[in-house]
Amino acid sequence: MKKDINFLPVEGVHIVIARKENLLGGYDWQVFLINQNDVPIQTVFVTSKGYGLKNDEEQKTSTLRHFFVEIQPGAHEVVETIMPDVFHLNNEYWVSYFIGKQIFDKKFIFVPDSIVEENLVTIPALGLEGILHA
């Protein structure tokens, strides 16, 4: 049972929504998972979904599931591309992974309208500007 599993706090794993300039002079946005631990993370599952309100009506996206066998120390993986039309929603990324036999689990939620120009910072691990959720 879940209550019998000892979940330690997640450290060194981050979700970033970053932008890259495209050939048309606009931006493409992608979601990255960064492992800043000194050890690989394994059996990595990421579930993503968006939910919230638009014009006082409930709106939600499809739930997407992603799997990575292993992410090396200091490495990152592209989880998915994200469209700006969902930035007004809560964008949730639920990450579960193992280090050795220990399981780790955390929800990263980008609240509505947090993915904006004013919140962009340089993400050294990616060499891009983005929104870092730790």
Protein backbone atom coordinates (compact mmCIF):
# COMPACT_ATOMS: atom_id res chain seq x y z
CA MET A 1 0.00 0.00 0.00
CA LYS A 2 1.10 3.56 -0.68
CA LYS A 3 1.01 4.45 3.04
CA ASP A 4 3.65 1.75 3.64
CA ILE A 5 6.14 3.27 1.16
CA ASN A 6 8.73 5.64 2.58
CA PHE A 7 8.85 8.64 0.21
CA LEU A 8 11.93 10.78 0.75
CA PRO A 9 11.89 14.43 -0.34
CA VAL A 10 12.75 15.04 -3.99
CA GLU A 11 16.02 16.93 -4.38
CA GLY A 12 18.05 17.73 -7.48
CA VAL A 13 15.26 16.97 -9.95
CA HIS A 14 13.59 19.91 -11.70
CA ILE A 15 10.95 20.56 -14.31
CA VAL A 16 11.61 23.50 -16.63
CA ILE A 17 9.43 25.03 -19.31
CA ALA A 18 11.90 26.68 -21.68
CA ARG A 19 11.72 28.40 -25.01
CA LYS A 20 13.90 28.09 -28.11
CA GLU A 21 13.85 30.53 -30.96
CA ASN A 22 12.55 28.90 -34.13
CA LEU A 23 13.34 29.59 -37.80
CA LEU A 24 10.35 31.93 -38.11
CA GLY A 25 11.60 34.27 -35.37
CA GLY A 26 9.04 33.03 -32.84
CA TYR A 27 9.48 30.59 -29.97
CA ASP A 28 8.87 26.90 -29.51
CA TRP A 29 8.26 25.88 -25.89
CA GLN A 30 9.36 22.56 -24.42
CA VAL A 31 9.16 20.89 -21.03
CA PHE A 32 12.44 19.47 -19.71
CA LEU A 33 13.27 17.18 -16.81
CA ILE A 34 16.72 17.91 -15.35
CA ASN A 35 18.63 15.56 -13.06
CA GLN A 36 21.11 17.60 -11.00
CA ASN A 37 21.89 14.73 -8.63
CA ASP A 38 25.28 12.99 -8.50
CA VAL A 39 23.63 9.69 -9.40
CA PRO A 40 21.38 8.56 -12.24
CA ILE A 41 17.63 8.44 -11.77
CA GLN A 42 15.95 5.35 -13.16
CA THR A 43 12.53 4.12 -14.24
CA VAL A 44 11.35 7.71 -14.63
CA PHE A 45 7.62 8.28 -15.20
CA VAL A 46 6.20 11.72 -15.95
CA THR A 47 2.45 12.30 -16.19
CA SER A 48 1.34 15.66 -17.55
CA LYS A 49 -2.02 17.38 -17.70
CA GLY A 50 -3.54 20.84 -17.77
CA TYR A 51 -6.69 21.97 -15.98
CA GLY A 52 -8.43 25.18 -15.01
CA LEU A 53 -10.94 27.73 -16.26
CA LYS A 54 -11.32 29.65 -19.49
CA ASN A 55 -14.17 32.17 -19.75
CA ASP A 56 -15.62 30.71 -16.51
CA GLU A 57 -15.83 27.24 -18.08
CA GLU A 58 -13.85 24.24 -16.91
CA GLN A 59 -11.13 23.27 -19.34
CA LYS A 60 -8.69 20.37 -19.24
CA THR A 61 -6.16 18.76 -21.54
CA SER A 62 -5.48 15.13 -22.23
CA THR A 63 -3.30 13.32 -19.73
CA LEU A 64 0.01 12.32 -21.29
CA ARG A 65 2.42 9.74 -19.89
CA HIS A 66 6.15 9.67 -20.56
CA PHE A 67 8.82 7.11 -19.61
CA PHE A 68 12.61 7.31 -19.48
CA VAL A 69 14.72 4.28 -18.56
CA GLU A 70 17.48 6.40 -17.02
CA ILE A 71 18.63 10.01 -16.82
CA GLN A 72 22.31 10.42 -16.05
CA PRO A 73 23.70 12.88 -13.45
CA GLY A 74 23.69 16.41 -14.83
CA ALA A 75 21.62 15.35 -17.86
CA HIS A 76 18.19 16.37 -19.05
CA GLU A 77 15.41 14.99 -21.24
CA VAL A 78 12.72 16.70 -23.26
CA VAL A 79 9.41 15.58 -21.78
CA GLU A 80 7.11 17.21 -24.32
CA THR A 81 6.36 20.27 -26.39
CA ILE A 82 3.88 22.67 -24.80
CA MET A 83 1.73 25.21 -26.62
CA PRO A 84 1.22 28.75 -25.28
CA ASP A 85 -2.57 28.28 -25.54
CA VAL A 86 -2.45 26.22 -22.31
CA PHE A 87 -0.36 28.67 -20.26
CA HIS A 88 -3.59 29.99 -18.67
CA LEU A 89 -4.16 26.56 -17.09
CA ASN A 90 -2.55 24.76 -14.17
CA ASN A 91 0.10 22.66 -15.94
CA GLU A 92 0.89 19.66 -13.73
CA TYR A 93 3.84 17.29 -14.08
CA TRP A 94 3.86 14.33 -11.73
CA VAL A 95 7.34 12.80 -11.65
CA SER A 96 8.19 9.41 -10.14
CA TYR A 97 11.60 7.74 -10.28
CA PHE A 98 14.01 5.45 -8.47
CA ILE A 99 17.49 5.97 -7.11
CA GLY A 100 18.62 2.45 -6.33
CA LYS A 101 15.64 0.79 -4.65
CA GLN A 102 14.25 4.05 -3.20
CA ILE A 103 11.24 5.58 -4.96
CA PHE A 104 10.78 9.35 -5.23
CA ASP A 105 7.60 11.15 -6.22
CA LYS A 106 6.64 14.81 -6.68
CA LYS A 107 4.03 16.97 -8.42
CA PHE A 108 5.32 20.11 -10.11
CA ILE A 109 2.48 22.57 -10.87
CA PHE A 110 2.91 25.69 -12.97
CA VAL A 111 -0.03 27.84 -11.89
CA PRO A 112 -2.10 29.82 -14.42
CA ASP A 113 -0.23 32.58 -16.19
CA SER A 114 3.09 31.82 -14.44
CA ILE A 115 4.70 31.02 -17.80
CA VAL A 116 5.25 34.65 -18.80
CA GLU A 117 8.15 36.80 -20.00
CA GLU A 118 8.64 38.40 -16.56
CA ASN A 119 9.32 35.00 -14.96
CA LEU A 120 11.96 33.84 -17.46
CA VAL A 121 15.40 33.08 -16.05
CA THR A 122 18.51 31.64 -17.64
CA ILE A 123 18.68 27.88 -17.19
CA PRO A 124 22.43 27.09 -17.30
CA ALA A 125 21.88 23.32 -17.69
CA LEU A 126 19.97 23.97 -20.93
CA GLY A 127 21.53 27.19 -22.20
CA LEU A 128 17.97 28.52 -22.60
CA GLU A 129 15.57 30.91 -20.93
CA GLY A 130 12.71 29.31 -19.08
CA ILE A 131 10.60 28.92 -15.99
CA LEU A 132 12.26 26.69 -13.39
CA HIS A 133 10.14 24.68 -10.96
CA ALA A 134 12.20 23.08 -8.21
